[in-house]
N, C-alpha and C. Protein backbone atom coordinates (compact mmCIF):
# COMPACT_ATOMS: atom_id res chain seq x y z
N MET A 1 0.83 -1.20 0.04
CA MET A 1 0.04 -0.06 -0.11
C MET A 1 0.82 1.25 0.01
N ARG A 2 1.94 1.26 0.90
CA ARG A 2 2.83 2.41 0.90
C ARG A 2 3.47 2.62 -0.44
N LYS A 3 3.90 1.50 -1.07
CA LYS A 3 4.50 1.64 -2.38
C LYS A 3 3.57 2.23 -3.36
N ALA A 4 2.31 1.72 -3.28
CA ALA A 4 1.17 2.22 -4.31
C ALA A 4 1.05 3.65 -4.07
N ILE A 5 0.97 4.23 -2.80
CA ILE A 5 0.80 5.58 -2.44
C ILE A 5 1.97 6.38 -2.93
N GLY A 6 3.14 5.77 -2.77
CA GLY A 6 4.35 6.46 -3.27
C GLY A 6 4.40 6.70 -4.79
N SER A 7 3.97 5.56 -5.47
CA SER A 7 3.82 5.65 -6.85
C SER A 7 2.84 6.62 -7.36
N PHE A 8 1.73 6.78 -6.73
CA PHE A 8 0.67 7.80 -7.06
C PHE A 8 1.22 9.17 -6.91
N VAL A 9 1.81 9.40 -5.80
CA VAL A 9 2.51 10.73 -5.55
C VAL A 9 3.42 11.14 -6.54
N THR A 10 4.22 10.14 -6.99
CA THR A 10 5.26 10.39 -7.90
C THR A 10 4.61 10.80 -9.34
N VAL A 11 3.63 9.89 -9.65
CA VAL A 11 2.95 10.32 -10.95
C VAL A 11 2.17 11.55 -10.97
N PHE A 12 1.57 11.98 -9.73
CA PHE A 12 0.84 13.11 -9.48
C PHE A 12 1.90 14.42 -9.64
N TRP A 13 3.08 14.13 -9.09
CA TRP A 13 4.07 15.33 -9.06
C TRP A 13 4.61 15.43 -10.49
N LEU A 14 4.76 14.38 -11.17
CA LEU A 14 5.43 14.47 -12.63
C LEU A 14 4.21 15.08 -13.46
N SER A 15 2.95 14.83 -13.19
CA SER A 15 1.90 15.34 -14.03
C SER A 15 1.85 16.85 -13.68
N ALA A 16 1.86 17.30 -12.45
CA ALA A 16 1.81 18.53 -12.14
C ALA A 16 3.01 19.39 -12.68
N SER A 17 4.17 18.80 -12.70
CA SER A 17 5.34 19.43 -13.24
C SER A 17 5.14 19.67 -14.65
N ALA A 18 4.67 18.57 -15.39
CA ALA A 18 4.33 18.79 -16.96
C ALA A 18 3.37 19.87 -17.21
N VAL A 19 2.41 20.06 -16.32
CA VAL A 19 1.32 21.01 -16.67
C VAL A 19 1.95 22.38 -16.38
N ALA A 20 2.71 22.54 -15.32
CA ALA A 20 3.52 23.74 -15.02
C ALA A 20 4.30 24.06 -16.13
N ALA A 21 5.03 23.20 -16.67
CA ALA A 21 6.02 23.50 -17.72
C ALA A 21 5.40 23.89 -18.93
N GLU A 22 4.08 23.74 -19.09
CA GLU A 22 3.46 24.20 -20.36
C GLU A 22 3.13 25.73 -20.34
N GLU A 23 3.21 26.47 -19.13
CA GLU A 23 3.05 27.92 -19.07
C GLU A 23 4.12 28.56 -20.00
N VAL A 24 3.53 29.52 -20.77
CA VAL A 24 4.39 30.33 -21.58
C VAL A 24 4.34 31.69 -21.12
N VAL A 25 5.52 32.44 -21.36
CA VAL A 25 5.63 33.77 -20.84
C VAL A 25 5.85 34.66 -22.10
N ILE A 26 4.92 35.63 -22.10
CA ILE A 26 4.89 36.48 -23.46
C ILE A 26 5.10 38.02 -22.74
N ALA A 27 6.06 38.63 -23.43
CA ALA A 27 6.27 39.99 -23.07
C ALA A 27 5.53 41.02 -24.07
N ALA A 28 4.76 41.96 -23.55
CA ALA A 28 4.18 42.92 -24.45
C ALA A 28 4.97 44.23 -24.48
N LEU A 29 5.68 44.37 -25.55
CA LEU A 29 6.55 45.56 -25.81
C LEU A 29 5.83 46.53 -26.49
N GLY A 30 5.60 47.76 -25.91
CA GLY A 30 4.78 48.79 -26.53
C GLY A 30 5.03 49.99 -25.83
N ASP A 31 4.00 50.88 -26.17
CA ASP A 31 3.94 52.23 -25.64
C ASP A 31 2.93 52.55 -24.64
N SER A 32 2.18 53.58 -24.59
CA SER A 32 1.20 53.87 -23.48
C SER A 32 -0.01 52.98 -23.82
N LEU A 33 -0.19 52.62 -25.05
CA LEU A 33 -1.44 51.78 -25.34
C LEU A 33 -1.19 50.40 -24.52
N THR A 34 -0.01 49.89 -24.61
CA THR A 34 0.22 48.71 -23.88
C THR A 34 0.35 48.89 -22.37
N GLN A 35 1.02 49.98 -21.99
CA GLN A 35 1.22 50.28 -20.58
C GLN A 35 0.03 50.55 -19.79
N GLY A 36 -1.04 50.99 -20.33
CA GLY A 36 -2.27 51.30 -19.71
C GLY A 36 -2.57 52.77 -19.25
N TYR A 37 -2.05 53.70 -20.08
CA TYR A 37 -1.98 55.04 -19.57
C TYR A 37 -3.54 55.49 -19.29
N GLY A 38 -3.62 56.19 -18.22
CA GLY A 38 -4.85 56.85 -17.79
C GLY A 38 -5.91 55.86 -17.23
N LEU A 39 -5.60 54.53 -17.04
CA LEU A 39 -6.62 53.59 -16.60
C LEU A 39 -6.19 53.04 -15.17
N ASN A 40 -7.19 52.68 -14.49
CA ASN A 40 -7.01 52.00 -13.15
C ASN A 40 -6.33 50.61 -13.41
N GLU A 41 -5.83 50.32 -12.24
CA GLU A 41 -5.15 48.84 -12.29
C GLU A 41 -6.24 47.88 -12.60
N GLY A 42 -5.83 46.92 -13.56
CA GLY A 42 -6.80 46.00 -14.05
C GLY A 42 -7.55 46.35 -15.24
N GLN A 43 -7.55 47.65 -15.66
CA GLN A 43 -8.24 47.99 -16.69
C GLN A 43 -7.44 48.24 -18.04
N GLY A 44 -6.08 48.22 -17.88
CA GLY A 44 -5.23 48.42 -18.97
C GLY A 44 -5.31 47.24 -19.91
N PHE A 45 -4.45 47.32 -21.02
CA PHE A 45 -4.37 46.39 -22.16
C PHE A 45 -3.94 44.98 -21.55
N VAL A 46 -2.75 45.01 -20.87
CA VAL A 46 -2.14 43.82 -20.38
C VAL A 46 -3.03 43.08 -19.36
N PRO A 47 -3.42 43.63 -18.38
CA PRO A 47 -4.29 42.95 -17.51
C PRO A 47 -5.65 42.39 -18.08
N GLN A 48 -6.16 43.19 -18.94
CA GLN A 48 -7.40 42.79 -19.52
C GLN A 48 -7.20 41.58 -20.44
N LEU A 49 -6.06 41.64 -21.22
CA LEU A 49 -5.64 40.56 -22.15
C LEU A 49 -5.33 39.24 -21.26
N GLN A 50 -4.71 39.53 -20.18
CA GLN A 50 -4.42 38.27 -19.32
C GLN A 50 -5.75 37.69 -18.85
N ALA A 51 -6.65 38.49 -18.33
CA ALA A 51 -7.93 37.92 -17.93
C ALA A 51 -8.60 37.16 -19.24
N TRP A 52 -8.51 37.73 -20.34
CA TRP A 52 -9.16 37.13 -21.54
C TRP A 52 -8.44 35.71 -21.73
N LEU A 53 -7.22 35.73 -21.78
CA LEU A 53 -6.50 34.47 -22.02
C LEU A 53 -6.74 33.41 -20.75
N ASP A 54 -6.89 33.81 -19.65
CA ASP A 54 -7.26 32.91 -18.48
C ASP A 54 -8.57 32.25 -18.73
N ALA A 55 -9.52 33.27 -19.16
CA ALA A 55 -10.91 32.82 -19.48
C ALA A 55 -10.90 31.76 -20.55
N ASN A 56 -9.98 31.91 -21.50
CA ASN A 56 -10.03 31.06 -22.74
C ASN A 56 -9.03 29.89 -22.51
N GLY A 57 -8.59 29.58 -21.31
CA GLY A 57 -7.96 28.37 -21.05
C GLY A 57 -6.50 28.30 -21.34
N ALA A 58 -5.81 29.53 -21.55
CA ALA A 58 -4.45 29.62 -22.07
C ALA A 58 -3.63 29.72 -20.78
N ASP A 59 -2.46 28.87 -20.86
CA ASP A 59 -1.68 28.94 -19.68
C ASP A 59 -0.40 29.80 -20.10
N VAL A 60 -0.75 31.18 -19.76
CA VAL A 60 0.16 32.14 -20.24
C VAL A 60 0.35 33.22 -19.11
N ARG A 61 1.62 33.73 -18.98
CA ARG A 61 1.75 34.78 -18.11
C ARG A 61 2.31 36.00 -19.03
N LEU A 62 1.62 37.03 -18.95
CA LEU A 62 2.01 38.24 -19.58
C LEU A 62 2.84 39.16 -18.85
N LEU A 63 3.96 39.79 -19.47
CA LEU A 63 4.63 40.73 -18.88
C LEU A 63 4.36 42.05 -19.46
N ASN A 64 4.19 43.16 -18.66
CA ASN A 64 3.94 44.43 -19.18
C ASN A 64 5.30 45.16 -19.43
N ALA A 65 5.56 45.22 -20.85
CA ALA A 65 6.84 46.01 -21.16
C ALA A 65 6.43 47.20 -22.00
N GLY A 66 5.41 47.78 -21.55
CA GLY A 66 4.95 49.01 -22.21
C GLY A 66 5.48 50.21 -21.45
N VAL A 67 5.90 51.19 -22.22
CA VAL A 67 6.44 52.45 -21.63
C VAL A 67 5.71 53.70 -22.27
N SER A 68 5.03 54.42 -21.63
CA SER A 68 4.34 55.66 -22.06
C SER A 68 5.30 56.45 -22.76
N GLY A 69 4.96 56.82 -24.08
CA GLY A 69 5.62 57.78 -24.79
C GLY A 69 6.69 57.17 -25.74
N ASP A 70 6.79 55.84 -25.62
CA ASP A 70 7.81 55.11 -26.32
C ASP A 70 7.68 55.15 -27.82
N THR A 71 8.71 55.27 -28.56
CA THR A 71 8.71 54.97 -30.03
C THR A 71 9.36 53.78 -30.31
N THR A 72 9.45 53.51 -31.60
CA THR A 72 10.06 52.21 -32.11
C THR A 72 11.54 52.37 -31.76
N ALA A 73 12.15 53.47 -31.85
CA ALA A 73 13.68 53.73 -31.37
C ALA A 73 13.73 53.33 -29.88
N GLY A 74 12.84 53.64 -28.94
CA GLY A 74 12.91 53.41 -27.64
C GLY A 74 12.70 51.81 -27.50
N GLY A 75 11.73 51.30 -28.32
CA GLY A 75 11.55 49.78 -28.15
C GLY A 75 12.87 49.07 -28.52
N LEU A 76 13.48 49.50 -29.64
CA LEU A 76 14.76 48.85 -30.09
C LEU A 76 15.87 48.95 -28.98
N ALA A 77 15.87 50.17 -28.34
CA ALA A 77 16.93 50.42 -27.28
C ALA A 77 16.72 49.43 -26.05
N ARG A 78 15.57 49.03 -25.84
CA ARG A 78 15.39 48.15 -24.58
C ARG A 78 14.86 46.70 -24.94
N VAL A 79 14.88 46.43 -26.18
CA VAL A 79 14.53 45.06 -26.51
C VAL A 79 15.40 43.93 -25.94
N ASP A 80 16.72 44.18 -25.75
CA ASP A 80 17.50 43.06 -25.41
C ASP A 80 17.25 42.78 -23.91
N TRP A 81 17.00 43.83 -23.09
CA TRP A 81 16.70 43.57 -21.72
C TRP A 81 15.31 43.09 -21.48
N THR A 82 14.48 43.26 -22.53
CA THR A 82 13.00 42.71 -22.49
C THR A 82 13.04 41.28 -22.60
N LEU A 83 14.03 40.78 -23.53
CA LEU A 83 14.11 39.40 -23.91
C LEU A 83 14.95 38.57 -22.86
N THR A 84 14.32 38.57 -21.69
CA THR A 84 15.08 37.77 -20.59
C THR A 84 14.87 36.33 -21.06
N PRO A 85 15.66 35.34 -20.36
CA PRO A 85 15.63 33.92 -20.59
C PRO A 85 14.21 33.40 -20.43
N GLU A 86 13.38 33.85 -19.55
CA GLU A 86 12.04 33.39 -19.27
C GLU A 86 11.13 33.68 -20.36
N VAL A 87 11.46 34.62 -21.30
CA VAL A 87 10.47 35.07 -22.35
C VAL A 87 10.39 34.08 -23.46
N ASP A 88 9.28 33.51 -23.78
CA ASP A 88 9.04 32.69 -24.85
C ASP A 88 8.58 33.41 -26.05
N GLY A 89 7.71 34.31 -25.90
CA GLY A 89 7.04 35.15 -27.05
C GLY A 89 7.04 36.57 -26.77
N MET A 90 6.72 37.31 -27.63
CA MET A 90 6.57 38.82 -27.64
C MET A 90 5.55 39.27 -28.50
N ILE A 91 4.75 40.21 -27.86
CA ILE A 91 3.75 41.05 -28.61
C ILE A 91 4.50 42.44 -28.76
N VAL A 92 4.68 42.84 -30.09
CA VAL A 92 5.33 44.08 -30.30
C VAL A 92 4.20 45.02 -30.93
N ALA A 93 3.93 46.06 -30.13
CA ALA A 93 2.96 47.10 -30.48
C ALA A 93 3.42 48.50 -30.53
N LEU A 94 4.27 48.83 -31.40
CA LEU A 94 4.89 50.21 -31.37
C LEU A 94 4.70 50.82 -32.74
N GLY A 95 4.82 52.18 -32.77
CA GLY A 95 4.65 52.91 -34.05
C GLY A 95 3.78 54.18 -33.91
N GLY A 96 2.85 53.98 -32.95
CA GLY A 96 1.80 55.17 -32.79
C GLY A 96 2.51 56.52 -32.49
N ASN A 97 3.60 56.50 -31.63
CA ASN A 97 4.21 57.79 -31.34
C ASN A 97 5.13 58.18 -32.47
N ASP A 98 5.66 57.30 -33.21
CA ASP A 98 6.36 57.66 -34.38
C ASP A 98 5.57 58.44 -35.35
N MET A 99 4.28 57.92 -35.41
CA MET A 99 3.45 58.60 -36.36
C MET A 99 3.05 60.07 -35.89
N LEU A 100 2.73 60.07 -34.55
CA LEU A 100 2.36 61.38 -34.04
C LEU A 100 3.52 62.49 -34.10
N ARG A 101 4.73 61.98 -33.99
CA ARG A 101 5.87 62.92 -34.18
C ARG A 101 6.30 63.05 -35.53
N GLY A 102 5.72 62.35 -36.53
CA GLY A 102 6.01 62.54 -37.83
C GLY A 102 7.36 61.93 -38.40
N VAL A 103 7.78 60.96 -37.56
CA VAL A 103 8.97 60.04 -37.79
C VAL A 103 8.64 59.49 -39.32
N GLN A 104 9.77 59.49 -40.09
CA GLN A 104 9.61 58.87 -41.28
C GLN A 104 9.47 57.26 -41.23
N PRO A 105 8.54 56.72 -42.14
CA PRO A 105 8.29 55.28 -42.02
C PRO A 105 9.57 54.47 -42.18
N THR A 106 10.47 55.01 -42.93
CA THR A 106 11.68 54.21 -43.30
C THR A 106 12.57 54.08 -42.06
N THR A 107 12.46 55.19 -41.12
CA THR A 107 13.17 54.99 -39.82
C THR A 107 12.34 53.95 -38.75
N SER A 108 11.20 54.20 -38.78
CA SER A 108 10.42 53.26 -37.91
C SER A 108 10.52 51.83 -38.36
N ARG A 109 10.57 51.66 -39.63
CA ARG A 109 10.70 50.33 -40.29
C ARG A 109 11.98 49.76 -39.79
N ALA A 110 13.13 50.48 -39.89
CA ALA A 110 14.44 50.05 -39.55
C ALA A 110 14.46 49.65 -38.13
N ASN A 111 13.80 50.39 -37.17
CA ASN A 111 13.72 50.11 -35.79
C ASN A 111 12.88 48.80 -35.63
N LEU A 112 11.84 48.72 -36.22
CA LEU A 112 11.09 47.45 -35.96
C LEU A 112 11.80 46.30 -36.56
N ASP A 113 12.47 46.45 -37.52
CA ASP A 113 13.25 45.52 -38.18
C ASP A 113 14.45 44.87 -36.97
N GLY A 114 14.90 45.88 -36.38
CA GLY A 114 15.96 45.54 -35.38
C GLY A 114 15.38 44.81 -34.29
N ILE A 115 14.11 45.10 -33.80
CA ILE A 115 13.29 44.36 -32.68
C ILE A 115 13.10 42.96 -33.25
N LEU A 116 12.64 42.95 -34.34
CA LEU A 116 12.28 41.59 -34.83
C LEU A 116 13.48 40.64 -35.17
N ALA A 117 14.60 41.37 -35.40
CA ALA A 117 15.86 40.53 -35.66
C ALA A 117 16.33 40.07 -34.23
N ALA A 118 16.30 40.93 -33.17
CA ALA A 118 16.72 40.51 -31.96
C ALA A 118 15.72 39.40 -31.45
N ALA A 119 14.53 39.42 -31.71
CA ALA A 119 13.59 38.35 -31.14
C ALA A 119 14.03 37.07 -31.88
N SER A 120 14.27 37.15 -33.19
CA SER A 120 14.65 35.98 -33.95
C SER A 120 15.94 35.45 -33.40
N GLU A 121 16.99 36.23 -33.08
CA GLU A 121 18.26 35.80 -32.54
C GLU A 121 18.03 35.10 -31.35
N ALA A 122 17.05 35.53 -30.48
CA ALA A 122 16.76 34.94 -29.20
C ALA A 122 15.82 33.72 -29.28
N ASP A 123 15.40 33.40 -30.49
CA ASP A 123 14.51 32.37 -30.78
C ASP A 123 13.01 32.56 -30.01
N VAL A 124 12.72 33.79 -30.11
CA VAL A 124 11.43 34.28 -29.49
C VAL A 124 10.30 34.44 -30.53
N GLU A 125 9.23 33.90 -30.52
CA GLU A 125 8.25 34.09 -31.46
C GLU A 125 7.55 35.39 -31.28
N VAL A 126 7.00 36.08 -32.36
CA VAL A 126 6.49 37.41 -32.18
C VAL A 126 5.11 37.59 -32.91
N LEU A 127 4.35 38.21 -32.18
CA LEU A 127 3.01 38.79 -32.78
C LEU A 127 3.25 40.29 -33.04
N LEU A 128 3.28 40.84 -34.24
CA LEU A 128 3.54 42.10 -34.49
C LEU A 128 2.02 42.77 -34.73
N VAL A 129 1.94 43.85 -33.96
CA VAL A 129 0.72 44.58 -33.94
C VAL A 129 0.78 45.92 -34.77
N GLY A 130 0.13 45.97 -35.79
CA GLY A 130 0.32 47.14 -36.70
C GLY A 130 -0.57 48.35 -36.24
N MET A 131 -0.35 49.37 -37.04
CA MET A 131 -1.04 50.67 -36.97
C MET A 131 -1.49 51.17 -38.22
N GLN A 132 -2.56 51.85 -38.44
CA GLN A 132 -2.85 52.52 -39.66
C GLN A 132 -2.70 53.99 -39.59
N ALA A 133 -1.91 54.54 -40.42
CA ALA A 133 -1.58 56.05 -40.47
C ALA A 133 -2.90 56.68 -41.02
N PRO A 134 -3.35 57.91 -40.47
CA PRO A 134 -4.54 58.61 -41.04
C PRO A 134 -4.16 59.31 -42.37
N GLY A 135 -5.12 59.55 -43.06
CA GLY A 135 -4.81 60.12 -44.44
C GLY A 135 -4.26 61.42 -44.49
N ASN A 136 -4.24 62.28 -43.43
CA ASN A 136 -3.80 63.61 -43.51
C ASN A 136 -2.32 63.64 -43.44
N TYR A 137 -1.52 62.55 -43.33
CA TYR A 137 -0.17 62.54 -43.47
C TYR A 137 0.33 62.42 -44.93
N GLY A 138 -0.52 62.26 -45.76
CA GLY A 138 -0.37 62.16 -47.27
C GLY A 138 -0.39 60.69 -47.69
N PRO A 139 -0.73 60.48 -48.91
CA PRO A 139 -0.76 59.04 -49.43
C PRO A 139 0.56 58.28 -49.37
N ASP A 140 1.71 59.01 -49.60
CA ASP A 140 2.97 58.25 -49.58
C ASP A 140 3.41 57.80 -48.25
N TYR A 141 3.19 58.77 -47.22
CA TYR A 141 3.30 58.40 -45.74
C TYR A 141 2.46 57.20 -45.31
N LYS A 142 1.23 57.39 -45.65
CA LYS A 142 0.31 56.23 -45.20
C LYS A 142 0.65 54.92 -45.89
N ARG A 143 0.99 54.99 -47.10
CA ARG A 143 1.32 53.83 -47.89
C ARG A 143 2.49 53.12 -47.25
N ASP A 144 3.62 53.88 -46.98
CA ASP A 144 4.84 53.24 -46.36
C ASP A 144 4.57 52.87 -44.96
N PHE A 145 3.85 53.62 -44.22
CA PHE A 145 3.76 53.35 -42.76
C PHE A 145 2.88 52.08 -42.67
N ASP A 146 1.68 52.00 -43.29
CA ASP A 146 0.79 50.92 -43.21
C ASP A 146 1.57 49.63 -43.78
N ALA A 147 2.35 49.72 -44.70
CA ALA A 147 2.85 48.47 -45.38
C ALA A 147 4.12 47.84 -44.50
N MET A 148 4.65 48.67 -43.65
CA MET A 148 5.76 48.06 -42.99
C MET A 148 5.49 46.97 -42.14
N TYR A 149 4.39 47.00 -41.50
CA TYR A 149 3.99 45.94 -40.65
C TYR A 149 3.88 44.59 -41.25
N PRO A 150 2.87 44.42 -42.27
CA PRO A 150 2.74 43.13 -43.03
C PRO A 150 4.11 42.68 -43.64
N GLU A 151 4.92 43.62 -44.11
CA GLU A 151 6.18 43.26 -44.88
C GLU A 151 7.19 42.65 -43.94
N LEU A 152 7.30 43.44 -42.76
CA LEU A 152 8.16 42.85 -41.84
C LEU A 152 7.76 41.52 -41.24
N ALA A 153 6.47 41.45 -40.99
CA ALA A 153 5.86 40.09 -40.46
C ALA A 153 6.25 38.95 -41.33
N GLU A 154 6.13 39.15 -42.70
CA GLU A 154 6.43 38.15 -43.69
C GLU A 154 7.97 37.84 -43.72
N THR A 155 8.81 38.91 -43.52
CA THR A 155 10.21 38.61 -43.59
C THR A 155 10.69 37.80 -42.50
N TYR A 156 10.13 38.04 -41.33
CA TYR A 156 10.48 37.27 -40.12
C TYR A 156 9.60 36.23 -39.72
N ASP A 157 8.56 35.84 -40.58
CA ASP A 157 7.70 34.80 -40.29
C ASP A 157 7.01 35.05 -38.87
N ALA A 158 6.67 36.25 -38.65
CA ALA A 158 5.97 36.64 -37.44
C ALA A 158 4.51 36.56 -37.63
N LEU A 159 3.72 36.44 -36.62
CA LEU A 159 2.27 36.49 -36.78
C LEU A 159 1.92 38.01 -36.85
N LEU A 160 0.82 38.38 -37.43
CA LEU A 160 0.39 39.73 -37.59
C LEU A 160 -0.93 40.00 -37.27
N PHE A 161 -1.13 40.97 -36.51
CA PHE A 161 -2.53 41.64 -36.10
C PHE A 161 -2.49 42.97 -36.67
N ALA A 162 -3.34 43.20 -37.84
CA ALA A 162 -3.06 44.33 -38.71
C ALA A 162 -3.22 45.73 -38.01
N ASP A 163 -4.14 45.93 -37.11
CA ASP A 163 -4.37 47.20 -36.45
C ASP A 163 -4.61 47.10 -35.13
N PHE A 164 -3.90 47.72 -34.13
CA PHE A 164 -4.09 47.76 -32.83
C PHE A 164 -5.73 48.06 -32.37
N PHE A 165 -6.17 49.06 -33.12
CA PHE A 165 -7.50 49.63 -33.01
C PHE A 165 -8.55 48.79 -33.64
N GLU A 166 -8.32 47.79 -34.31
CA GLU A 166 -9.30 47.01 -35.01
C GLU A 166 -10.73 46.74 -34.34
N GLY A 167 -10.51 46.35 -33.10
CA GLY A 167 -11.82 46.03 -32.17
C GLY A 167 -12.74 47.35 -32.06
N LEU A 168 -12.23 48.49 -32.29
CA LEU A 168 -13.04 49.69 -32.18
C LEU A 168 -13.71 50.13 -33.34
N GLY A 169 -13.30 49.46 -34.62
CA GLY A 169 -13.92 49.91 -35.79
C GLY A 169 -13.47 51.39 -36.14
N VAL A 170 -12.17 51.70 -35.94
CA VAL A 170 -11.67 53.06 -36.22
C VAL A 170 -11.85 53.32 -37.73
N GLU A 171 -12.29 54.51 -38.04
CA GLU A 171 -12.29 54.90 -39.54
C GLU A 171 -11.05 55.63 -39.94
N ASN A 172 -10.46 55.23 -40.97
CA ASN A 172 -9.27 55.90 -41.62
C ASN A 172 -8.16 56.15 -40.63
N GLY A 173 -7.91 55.27 -39.64
CA GLY A 173 -6.96 55.38 -38.73
C GLY A 173 -7.02 56.42 -37.66
N ASP A 174 -8.13 57.05 -37.57
CA ASP A 174 -8.44 58.10 -36.67
C ASP A 174 -9.17 57.62 -35.48
N PRO A 175 -8.50 57.62 -34.22
CA PRO A 175 -9.13 57.20 -32.99
C PRO A 175 -10.35 57.98 -32.66
N ALA A 176 -10.45 59.29 -33.15
CA ALA A 176 -11.46 60.21 -32.74
C ALA A 176 -12.71 59.88 -33.38
N SER A 177 -12.71 58.85 -34.30
CA SER A 177 -14.06 58.45 -34.92
C SER A 177 -14.80 57.50 -34.03
N VAL A 178 -14.20 57.11 -32.95
CA VAL A 178 -14.83 56.26 -31.91
C VAL A 178 -14.55 56.92 -30.55
N ARG A 179 -14.92 58.14 -30.67
CA ARG A 179 -14.57 58.94 -29.31
C ARG A 179 -15.28 58.51 -27.99
N ALA A 180 -16.41 57.85 -28.18
CA ALA A 180 -17.22 57.41 -26.92
C ALA A 180 -16.45 56.26 -26.30
N LEU A 181 -15.43 55.60 -26.96
CA LEU A 181 -14.70 54.67 -26.45
C LEU A 181 -13.32 55.01 -26.02
N MET A 182 -12.95 56.36 -26.14
CA MET A 182 -11.65 56.75 -25.85
C MET A 182 -11.73 57.66 -24.53
N GLN A 183 -10.55 57.90 -24.06
CA GLN A 183 -10.33 58.88 -23.01
C GLN A 183 -10.38 60.29 -23.53
N PRO A 184 -10.57 61.26 -22.72
CA PRO A 184 -10.76 62.61 -23.13
C PRO A 184 -9.83 63.11 -24.16
N ASP A 185 -8.46 62.54 -24.09
CA ASP A 185 -7.51 63.04 -25.12
C ASP A 185 -7.77 62.51 -26.52
N GLY A 186 -8.67 61.68 -26.68
CA GLY A 186 -9.01 61.18 -28.14
C GLY A 186 -7.98 60.22 -28.75
N ILE A 187 -6.89 59.92 -27.86
CA ILE A 187 -5.84 58.97 -28.35
C ILE A 187 -5.84 57.65 -27.76
N HIS A 188 -6.07 57.77 -26.43
CA HIS A 188 -6.13 56.41 -25.54
C HIS A 188 -7.35 55.81 -25.40
N PRO A 189 -7.51 54.56 -25.40
CA PRO A 189 -8.90 53.95 -25.20
C PRO A 189 -9.24 53.88 -23.76
N GLY A 190 -10.58 54.08 -23.44
CA GLY A 190 -11.01 53.83 -22.14
C GLY A 190 -11.18 52.32 -21.80
N ALA A 191 -11.66 52.08 -20.61
CA ALA A 191 -11.66 50.58 -20.22
C ALA A 191 -12.47 49.72 -21.22
N GLU A 192 -13.65 50.40 -21.64
CA GLU A 192 -14.48 49.65 -22.54
C GLU A 192 -13.83 49.30 -23.96
N GLY A 193 -13.16 50.43 -24.33
CA GLY A 193 -12.47 50.42 -25.61
C GLY A 193 -11.27 49.33 -25.52
N VAL A 194 -10.68 49.33 -24.36
CA VAL A 194 -9.55 48.23 -24.22
C VAL A 194 -10.17 46.77 -24.30
N SER A 195 -11.27 46.72 -23.65
CA SER A 195 -11.98 45.51 -23.69
C SER A 195 -12.25 45.01 -25.08
N ARG A 196 -12.79 45.96 -26.01
CA ARG A 196 -13.08 45.58 -27.33
C ARG A 196 -11.84 45.33 -28.26
N ILE A 197 -10.71 45.84 -27.85
CA ILE A 197 -9.48 45.72 -28.42
C ILE A 197 -9.05 44.25 -28.14
N VAL A 198 -9.14 43.93 -26.90
CA VAL A 198 -8.60 42.68 -26.28
C VAL A 198 -9.46 41.49 -27.07
N GLU A 199 -10.68 41.79 -27.10
CA GLU A 199 -11.64 40.80 -27.59
C GLU A 199 -11.31 40.55 -29.26
N ALA A 200 -10.95 41.53 -29.78
CA ALA A 200 -10.59 41.43 -31.31
C ALA A 200 -9.16 40.63 -31.48
N MET A 201 -8.17 41.13 -30.55
CA MET A 201 -6.86 40.71 -30.82
C MET A 201 -6.59 39.38 -29.99
N GLY A 202 -7.42 39.08 -29.14
CA GLY A 202 -7.22 37.82 -28.30
C GLY A 202 -6.94 36.51 -29.19
N PRO A 203 -7.77 36.24 -30.03
CA PRO A 203 -7.53 35.01 -31.02
C PRO A 203 -6.08 35.01 -31.64
N ALA A 204 -5.52 36.24 -32.03
CA ALA A 204 -4.31 36.28 -32.65
C ALA A 204 -3.18 35.91 -31.46
N VAL A 205 -3.53 36.44 -30.15
CA VAL A 205 -2.60 36.00 -29.20
C VAL A 205 -2.65 34.38 -28.94
N LEU A 206 -3.79 33.97 -29.09
CA LEU A 206 -3.90 32.40 -28.91
C LEU A 206 -3.04 31.69 -29.97
N ASP A 207 -2.99 32.39 -31.08
CA ASP A 207 -2.25 31.73 -32.16
C ASP A 207 -0.79 31.66 -31.86
N LEU A 208 -0.28 32.82 -31.14
CA LEU A 208 1.10 32.97 -30.76
C LEU A 208 1.35 31.89 -29.68
N VAL A 209 0.44 31.68 -28.77
CA VAL A 209 0.56 30.64 -27.75
C VAL A 209 0.68 29.31 -28.33
N ALA A 210 -0.19 28.95 -29.47
CA ALA A 210 -0.12 27.80 -30.13
C ALA A 210 1.24 27.41 -30.78
N ARG A 211 1.88 28.51 -31.32
CA ARG A 211 3.16 28.35 -31.93
C ARG A 211 4.21 27.98 -30.82
N LEU A 212 4.06 28.70 -29.60
CA LEU A 212 4.98 28.41 -28.57
C LEU A 212 4.89 26.99 -27.92
N GLN A 213 3.66 26.56 -27.91
CA GLN A 213 3.56 25.21 -27.44
C GLN A 213 3.74 24.00 -28.27
N ASP A 214 3.90 24.29 -29.68
CA ASP A 214 4.18 23.32 -30.66
C ASP A 214 5.49 22.56 -30.37
């Protein structure tokens, strides 16, 4: 009986260890949209996405690597220390501040390329989250800015979610078109807006998790 109990405990411990080993760690590298600017604890993008993943049975731990005001250059500068040994995957959501500051898409693209190259070197899978430039920047700017995300995703075999604001139904890249879901600044989503963003993006994050568990 004692041997049987011992065997059961051993099997249980091994099973529990196997389950624990399946947890994946994903860092969300981004700006204020990722960091949760203007929202109470639990209302931001990362905690709401964590709750959504938990509810959908994904064994994932998200790390909030969002820095308010960050550009693609800032993301590139800190990607190496974001990619700690525990990180299996990364959500890259940068470019909005580049656009607001009028940074040329060629510069933003080079920075994103560096981030994806660092992830590839570290053998970390990426979900690249794009943005859509508004039309008032001119057709050339919009064409080049919008195109850099799918083209880089293809180059690095990264997963792509085309537009961070997709869940809001933003028109022509202008967050102001869904003002009721935004904070008073018209740039950052409110808690309900984040919820809709997470609902739309969640399945793409599950695809990232599936890649990590293959």
